[in-house]
Amino acid sequence: MNAENGSSRGAWSLQVNALGGFIRAQRQLARLSLRDMAAMTSVSNAYLSQVERGLHQPSLKVLHSIADALQLSTEQLLSQAGWGPAPTEPVVHADPGPVEAGVEDAIARDPRLSAEQRVALVSVYRSFVGD
């Protein structure tokens, strides 16, 4: 395996993990259990769990079912996985402050985010770094 191939696999894995984390966060925000969502999507709860953990890349049909169950657009799910339109560049401040200030504090202070978006982002962040 060459370095470029390994790098693209790593990026792909990160996208699938980000998508799964976003789906999990949205499901939790909607106060749905895996079993509830499985019933709404006609997808097994075992498979949904694997999607949320980034172990499976769901088909477009499954993504559409998940989006419907979460009352989101399929495009929102695709953009979370990096498969949709490129997001706009974030504003980068010259001095973001000490790392100890934390990502969660930055999310909480960002006026561009709704309360639901803040909860989703913190949930996804925690899924990557642990609580």
N, C-alpha and C. Protein backbone atom coordinates (compact mmCIF):
# COMPACT_ATOMS: atom_id res chain seq x y z
N MET A 1 0.85 -1.18 0.00
CA MET A 1 0.00 0.00 0.00
C MET A 1 0.89 1.23 0.00
N ASN A 2 0.64 2.18 -0.90
CA ASN A 2 1.45 3.38 -0.93
C ASN A 2 0.91 4.41 0.06
N ALA A 3 1.72 5.44 0.34
CA ALA A 3 1.35 6.44 1.35
C ALA A 3 0.09 7.19 0.97
N GLU A 4 -0.06 7.51 -0.33
CA GLU A 4 -1.25 8.24 -0.77
C GLU A 4 -2.50 7.42 -0.55
N ASN A 5 -2.46 6.14 -0.85
CA ASN A 5 -3.60 5.25 -0.67
C ASN A 5 -3.95 5.15 0.82
N GLY A 6 -2.96 5.01 1.67
CA GLY A 6 -3.19 4.93 3.11
C GLY A 6 -3.76 6.23 3.64
N SER A 7 -3.29 7.35 3.10
CA SER A 7 -3.78 8.66 3.52
C SER A 7 -5.24 8.84 3.14
N SER A 8 -5.62 8.42 1.93
CA SER A 8 -7.01 8.57 1.51
C SER A 8 -7.92 7.64 2.30
N ARG A 9 -7.42 6.45 2.66
CA ARG A 9 -8.21 5.55 3.51
C ARG A 9 -8.43 6.15 4.88
N GLY A 10 -7.38 6.80 5.42
CA GLY A 10 -7.51 7.45 6.71
C GLY A 10 -8.51 8.59 6.68
N ALA A 11 -8.48 9.38 5.62
CA ALA A 11 -9.43 10.48 5.48
C ALA A 11 -10.85 9.94 5.34
N TRP A 12 -10.98 8.87 4.57
CA TRP A 12 -12.30 8.24 4.38
C TRP A 12 -12.83 7.74 5.72
N SER A 13 -11.98 7.10 6.50
CA SER A 13 -12.38 6.60 7.81
C SER A 13 -12.81 7.74 8.72
N LEU A 14 -12.09 8.85 8.68
CA LEU A 14 -12.46 10.01 9.49
C LEU A 14 -13.83 10.54 9.07
N GLN A 15 -14.11 10.55 7.77
CA GLN A 15 -15.41 11.03 7.29
C GLN A 15 -16.53 10.11 7.76
N VAL A 16 -16.32 8.80 7.69
CA VAL A 16 -17.33 7.84 8.12
C VAL A 16 -17.54 7.96 9.63
N ASN A 17 -16.46 8.15 10.39
CA ASN A 17 -16.58 8.34 11.84
C ASN A 17 -17.32 9.63 12.17
N ALA A 18 -17.01 10.71 11.44
CA ALA A 18 -17.70 11.98 11.68
C ALA A 18 -19.19 11.86 11.38
N LEU A 19 -19.50 11.18 10.30
CA LEU A 19 -20.91 10.97 9.96
C LEU A 19 -21.61 10.18 11.05
N GLY A 20 -20.99 9.10 11.50
CA GLY A 20 -21.59 8.28 12.55
C GLY A 20 -21.79 9.05 13.83
N GLY A 21 -20.79 9.85 14.20
CA GLY A 21 -20.91 10.68 15.41
C GLY A 21 -22.03 11.70 15.29
N PHE A 22 -22.16 12.27 14.10
CA PHE A 22 -23.23 13.24 13.88
C PHE A 22 -24.60 12.57 13.97
N ILE A 23 -24.73 11.39 13.37
CA ILE A 23 -25.99 10.66 13.44
C ILE A 23 -26.33 10.33 14.89
N ARG A 24 -25.35 9.84 15.64
CA ARG A 24 -25.58 9.51 17.05
C ARG A 24 -26.04 10.74 17.82
N ALA A 25 -25.34 11.86 17.63
CA ALA A 25 -25.69 13.09 18.34
C ALA A 25 -27.11 13.54 18.00
N GLN A 26 -27.45 13.47 16.72
CA GLN A 26 -28.79 13.89 16.31
C GLN A 26 -29.86 12.95 16.86
N ARG A 27 -29.55 11.66 16.89
CA ARG A 27 -30.51 10.69 17.44
C ARG A 27 -30.73 10.96 18.92
N GLN A 28 -29.65 11.24 19.64
CA GLN A 28 -29.76 11.52 21.06
C GLN A 28 -30.50 12.83 21.31
N LEU A 29 -30.25 13.83 20.47
CA LEU A 29 -30.99 15.09 20.59
C LEU A 29 -32.49 14.88 20.38
N ALA A 30 -32.82 13.97 19.48
CA ALA A 30 -34.22 13.65 19.20
C ALA A 30 -34.81 12.71 20.26
N ARG A 31 -33.97 12.30 21.20
CA ARG A 31 -34.37 11.38 22.28
C ARG A 31 -34.94 10.08 21.72
N LEU A 32 -34.22 9.55 20.73
CA LEU A 32 -34.58 8.27 20.13
C LEU A 32 -33.58 7.22 20.56
N SER A 33 -34.07 6.05 20.90
CA SER A 33 -33.17 4.92 21.16
C SER A 33 -32.78 4.33 19.81
N LEU A 34 -31.76 3.49 19.82
CA LEU A 34 -31.40 2.79 18.58
C LEU A 34 -32.58 1.97 18.09
N ARG A 35 -33.28 1.34 19.00
CA ARG A 35 -34.43 0.51 18.64
C ARG A 35 -35.52 1.35 17.99
N ASP A 36 -35.79 2.55 18.55
CA ASP A 36 -36.79 3.45 17.96
C ASP A 36 -36.40 3.84 16.54
N MET A 37 -35.13 4.21 16.39
CA MET A 37 -34.68 4.65 15.07
C MET A 37 -34.68 3.49 14.09
N ALA A 38 -34.34 2.30 14.55
CA ALA A 38 -34.37 1.13 13.67
C ALA A 38 -35.79 0.91 13.15
N ALA A 39 -36.76 1.05 14.02
CA ALA A 39 -38.15 0.87 13.59
C ALA A 39 -38.56 1.94 12.58
N MET A 40 -38.06 3.15 12.75
CA MET A 40 -38.42 4.25 11.86
C MET A 40 -37.73 4.15 10.50
N THR A 41 -36.58 3.48 10.46
CA THR A 41 -35.78 3.43 9.23
C THR A 41 -35.82 2.09 8.52
N SER A 42 -36.39 1.08 9.17
CA SER A 42 -36.38 -0.29 8.63
C SER A 42 -34.95 -0.81 8.46
N VAL A 43 -34.08 -0.37 9.35
CA VAL A 43 -32.68 -0.81 9.38
C VAL A 43 -32.47 -1.40 10.77
N SER A 44 -31.75 -2.50 10.87
CA SER A 44 -31.57 -3.14 12.17
C SER A 44 -30.81 -2.23 13.13
N ASN A 45 -31.14 -2.37 14.43
CA ASN A 45 -30.43 -1.54 15.41
C ASN A 45 -28.95 -1.92 15.48
N ALA A 46 -28.60 -3.16 15.20
CA ALA A 46 -27.18 -3.56 15.18
C ALA A 46 -26.44 -2.81 14.07
N TYR A 47 -27.06 -2.72 12.89
CA TYR A 47 -26.43 -2.02 11.77
C TYR A 47 -26.33 -0.52 12.08
N LEU A 48 -27.40 0.06 12.64
CA LEU A 48 -27.36 1.49 12.99
C LEU A 48 -26.25 1.76 14.00
N SER A 49 -26.07 0.87 14.96
CA SER A 49 -25.00 1.02 15.94
C SER A 49 -23.64 1.02 15.24
N GLN A 50 -23.47 0.14 14.28
CA GLN A 50 -22.20 0.08 13.54
C GLN A 50 -21.99 1.34 12.71
N VAL A 51 -23.06 1.88 12.14
CA VAL A 51 -22.95 3.13 11.38
C VAL A 51 -22.51 4.25 12.33
N GLU A 52 -23.15 4.33 13.49
CA GLU A 52 -22.81 5.38 14.46
C GLU A 52 -21.37 5.27 14.95
N ARG A 53 -20.84 4.08 15.00
CA ARG A 53 -19.46 3.88 15.46
C ARG A 53 -18.45 3.96 14.31
N GLY A 54 -18.94 4.24 13.10
CA GLY A 54 -18.05 4.39 11.96
C GLY A 54 -17.53 3.08 11.40
N LEU A 55 -18.22 1.97 11.72
CA LEU A 55 -17.77 0.66 11.24
C LEU A 55 -18.35 0.30 9.88
N HIS A 56 -19.41 0.99 9.49
CA HIS A 56 -20.03 0.75 8.18
C HIS A 56 -20.30 2.06 7.49
N GLN A 57 -20.14 2.05 6.19
CA GLN A 57 -20.48 3.18 5.35
C GLN A 57 -21.89 2.92 4.82
N PRO A 58 -22.88 3.68 5.30
CA PRO A 58 -24.25 3.41 4.87
C PRO A 58 -24.49 3.80 3.42
N SER A 59 -25.44 3.11 2.81
CA SER A 59 -25.82 3.45 1.44
C SER A 59 -26.62 4.75 1.45
N LEU A 60 -26.80 5.33 0.29
CA LEU A 60 -27.59 6.54 0.17
C LEU A 60 -29.03 6.28 0.62
N LYS A 61 -29.55 5.11 0.32
CA LYS A 61 -30.92 4.76 0.74
C LYS A 61 -31.03 4.75 2.27
N VAL A 62 -30.05 4.17 2.94
CA VAL A 62 -30.05 4.13 4.41
C VAL A 62 -29.88 5.55 4.96
N LEU A 63 -28.99 6.34 4.37
CA LEU A 63 -28.81 7.72 4.81
C LEU A 63 -30.10 8.51 4.67
N HIS A 64 -30.82 8.29 3.59
CA HIS A 64 -32.09 8.98 3.38
C HIS A 64 -33.09 8.58 4.47
N SER A 65 -33.15 7.30 4.80
CA SER A 65 -34.06 6.83 5.85
C SER A 65 -33.69 7.43 7.21
N ILE A 66 -32.39 7.48 7.48
CA ILE A 66 -31.92 8.06 8.75
C ILE A 66 -32.26 9.55 8.80
N ALA A 67 -32.01 10.25 7.70
CA ALA A 67 -32.32 11.68 7.65
C ALA A 67 -33.80 11.92 7.89
N ASP A 68 -34.65 11.13 7.26
CA ASP A 68 -36.10 11.27 7.48
C ASP A 68 -36.46 11.05 8.94
N ALA A 69 -35.90 10.02 9.55
CA ALA A 69 -36.21 9.72 10.95
C ALA A 69 -35.76 10.86 11.87
N LEU A 70 -34.67 11.53 11.52
CA LEU A 70 -34.13 12.60 12.34
C LEU A 70 -34.68 13.98 11.93
N GLN A 71 -35.55 13.98 10.94
CA GLN A 71 -36.14 15.22 10.41
C GLN A 71 -35.06 16.17 9.92
N LEU A 72 -34.10 15.60 9.19
CA LEU A 72 -33.02 16.35 8.57
C LEU A 72 -33.06 16.08 7.08
N SER A 73 -32.32 16.87 6.32
CA SER A 73 -32.19 16.56 4.91
C SER A 73 -31.03 15.59 4.70
N THR A 74 -31.12 14.81 3.66
CA THR A 74 -30.03 13.89 3.32
C THR A 74 -28.76 14.69 3.06
N GLU A 75 -28.91 15.89 2.49
CA GLU A 75 -27.75 16.74 2.21
C GLU A 75 -27.00 17.11 3.48
N GLN A 76 -27.75 17.35 4.59
CA GLN A 76 -27.08 17.67 5.85
C GLN A 76 -26.21 16.50 6.31
N LEU A 77 -26.74 15.29 6.17
CA LEU A 77 -25.95 14.12 6.56
C LEU A 77 -24.74 13.96 5.66
N LEU A 78 -24.94 14.14 4.35
CA LEU A 78 -23.83 14.00 3.41
C LEU A 78 -22.75 15.04 3.66
N SER A 79 -23.15 16.27 3.96
CA SER A 79 -22.14 17.31 4.20
C SER A 79 -21.35 17.01 5.46
N GLN A 80 -21.98 16.37 6.46
CA GLN A 80 -21.26 15.99 7.67
C GLN A 80 -20.19 14.96 7.37
N ALA A 81 -20.41 14.15 6.34
CA ALA A 81 -19.43 13.14 5.96
C ALA A 81 -18.41 13.68 4.97
N GLY A 82 -18.56 14.94 4.58
CA GLY A 82 -17.64 15.53 3.62
C GLY A 82 -17.98 15.18 2.19
N TRP A 83 -19.20 14.69 1.96
CA TRP A 83 -19.60 14.31 0.61
C TRP A 83 -20.51 15.33 -0.04
N GLY A 84 -20.85 16.37 0.68
CA GLY A 84 -21.72 17.40 0.13
C GLY A 84 -20.89 18.57 -0.32
N PRO A 85 -21.56 19.70 -0.54
CA PRO A 85 -20.83 20.91 -0.92
C PRO A 85 -19.81 21.28 0.15
N ALA A 86 -18.72 21.85 -0.26
CA ALA A 86 -17.67 22.24 0.68
C ALA A 86 -18.20 23.32 1.61
N PRO A 87 -17.96 23.16 2.90
CA PRO A 87 -18.40 24.20 3.84
C PRO A 87 -17.59 25.46 3.65
N THR A 88 -18.11 26.58 4.10
CA THR A 88 -17.36 27.82 4.01
C THR A 88 -16.22 27.76 4.99
N GLU A 89 -15.17 28.48 4.69
CA GLU A 89 -13.99 28.47 5.56
C GLU A 89 -14.33 29.12 6.90
N PRO A 90 -13.90 28.51 8.01
CA PRO A 90 -14.15 29.13 9.31
C PRO A 90 -13.29 30.36 9.50
N VAL A 91 -13.75 31.26 10.33
CA VAL A 91 -12.97 32.44 10.66
C VAL A 91 -11.89 32.02 11.65
N VAL A 92 -10.64 32.34 11.33
CA VAL A 92 -9.53 31.99 12.21
C VAL A 92 -9.03 33.27 12.86
N HIS A 93 -9.02 33.28 14.19
CA HIS A 93 -8.56 34.44 14.93
C HIS A 93 -7.06 34.33 15.14
N ALA A 94 -6.38 35.46 15.21
CA ALA A 94 -4.94 35.47 15.35
C ALA A 94 -4.48 34.76 16.62
N ASP A 95 -5.16 35.00 17.72
CA ASP A 95 -4.77 34.37 18.98
C ASP A 95 -5.97 33.66 19.57
N PRO A 96 -6.10 32.35 19.30
CA PRO A 96 -7.27 31.63 19.80
C PRO A 96 -7.25 31.39 21.30
N GLY A 97 -6.16 31.74 21.98
CA GLY A 97 -6.09 31.55 23.42
C GLY A 97 -5.47 30.21 23.74
N PRO A 98 -5.27 29.94 25.02
CA PRO A 98 -4.63 28.69 25.40
C PRO A 98 -5.50 27.48 25.08
N VAL A 99 -4.84 26.38 24.79
CA VAL A 99 -5.54 25.14 24.46
C VAL A 99 -6.46 24.74 25.61
N GLU A 100 -6.04 25.04 26.84
CA GLU A 100 -6.83 24.66 28.00
C GLU A 100 -8.21 25.30 28.01
N ALA A 101 -8.39 26.41 27.28
CA ALA A 101 -9.70 27.06 27.22
C ALA A 101 -10.72 26.08 26.66
N GLY A 102 -10.27 25.20 25.78
CA GLY A 102 -11.09 24.10 25.35
C GLY A 102 -11.97 24.34 24.14
N VAL A 103 -12.12 23.29 23.42
CA VAL A 103 -12.98 23.29 22.25
C VAL A 103 -14.43 23.53 22.66
N GLU A 104 -14.85 22.92 23.74
CA GLU A 104 -16.23 23.07 24.18
C GLU A 104 -16.56 24.51 24.52
N ASP A 105 -15.62 25.24 25.11
CA ASP A 105 -15.84 26.65 25.40
C ASP A 105 -16.00 27.45 24.11
N ALA A 106 -15.17 27.14 23.11
CA ALA A 106 -15.27 27.83 21.83
C ALA A 106 -16.62 27.57 21.17
N ILE A 107 -17.08 26.33 21.25
CA ILE A 107 -18.39 25.99 20.69
C ILE A 107 -19.47 26.78 21.42
N ALA A 108 -19.38 26.83 22.74
CA ALA A 108 -20.39 27.52 23.55
C ALA A 108 -20.42 29.02 23.26
N ARG A 109 -19.29 29.60 22.89
CA ARG A 109 -19.22 31.05 22.64
C ARG A 109 -19.56 31.44 21.21
N ASP A 110 -19.61 30.51 20.29
CA ASP A 110 -19.80 30.85 18.89
C ASP A 110 -21.25 31.29 18.64
N PRO A 111 -21.46 32.57 18.33
CA PRO A 111 -22.83 33.07 18.15
C PRO A 111 -23.50 32.58 16.86
N ARG A 112 -22.72 31.97 15.97
CA ARG A 112 -23.29 31.47 14.72
C ARG A 112 -24.03 30.15 14.90
N LEU A 113 -23.87 29.50 16.06
CA LEU A 113 -24.45 28.18 16.29
C LEU A 113 -25.72 28.27 17.11
N SER A 114 -26.71 27.46 16.75
CA SER A 114 -27.91 27.36 17.57
C SER A 114 -27.61 26.46 18.77
N ALA A 115 -28.52 26.45 19.73
CA ALA A 115 -28.33 25.60 20.91
C ALA A 115 -28.24 24.13 20.50
N GLU A 116 -29.08 23.72 19.56
CA GLU A 116 -29.05 22.33 19.10
C GLU A 116 -27.73 22.00 18.41
N GLN A 117 -27.22 22.94 17.62
CA GLN A 117 -25.94 22.70 16.94
C GLN A 117 -24.81 22.59 17.95
N ARG A 118 -24.85 23.41 19.00
CA ARG A 118 -23.81 23.34 20.03
C ARG A 118 -23.81 21.97 20.70
N VAL A 119 -25.01 21.48 21.05
CA VAL A 119 -25.11 20.17 21.69
C VAL A 119 -24.57 19.09 20.76
N ALA A 120 -24.94 19.15 19.49
CA ALA A 120 -24.49 18.15 18.51
C ALA A 120 -22.97 18.18 18.36
N LEU A 121 -22.41 19.38 18.24
CA LEU A 121 -20.96 19.50 18.07
C LEU A 121 -20.20 18.99 19.28
N VAL A 122 -20.67 19.34 20.47
CA VAL A 122 -20.00 18.86 21.69
C VAL A 122 -20.08 17.35 21.77
N SER A 123 -21.24 16.80 21.40
CA SER A 123 -21.40 15.35 21.44
C SER A 123 -20.45 14.65 20.46
N VAL A 124 -20.34 15.20 19.26
CA VAL A 124 -19.42 14.62 18.27
C VAL A 124 -17.99 14.76 18.75
N TYR A 125 -17.63 15.93 19.27
CA TYR A 125 -16.28 16.15 19.78
C TYR A 125 -15.95 15.14 20.88
N ARG A 126 -16.87 14.98 21.83
CA ARG A 126 -16.63 14.04 22.93
C ARG A 126 -16.52 12.60 22.43
N SER A 127 -17.24 12.28 21.35
CA SER A 127 -17.14 10.91 20.82
C SER A 127 -15.76 10.62 20.26
N PHE A 128 -15.05 11.67 19.83
CA PHE A 128 -13.70 11.50 19.29
C PHE A 128 -12.65 11.48 20.39
N VAL A 129 -12.79 12.35 21.40
CA VAL A 129 -11.75 12.48 22.40
C VAL A 129 -12.08 11.84 23.73
N GLY A 130 -13.32 11.43 23.92
CA GLY A 130 -13.74 10.83 25.18
C GLY A 130 -14.09 11.90 26.19
N ASP A 131 -14.88 11.52 27.18
CA ASP A 131 -15.31 12.49 28.22
C ASP A 131 -14.26 12.60 29.29
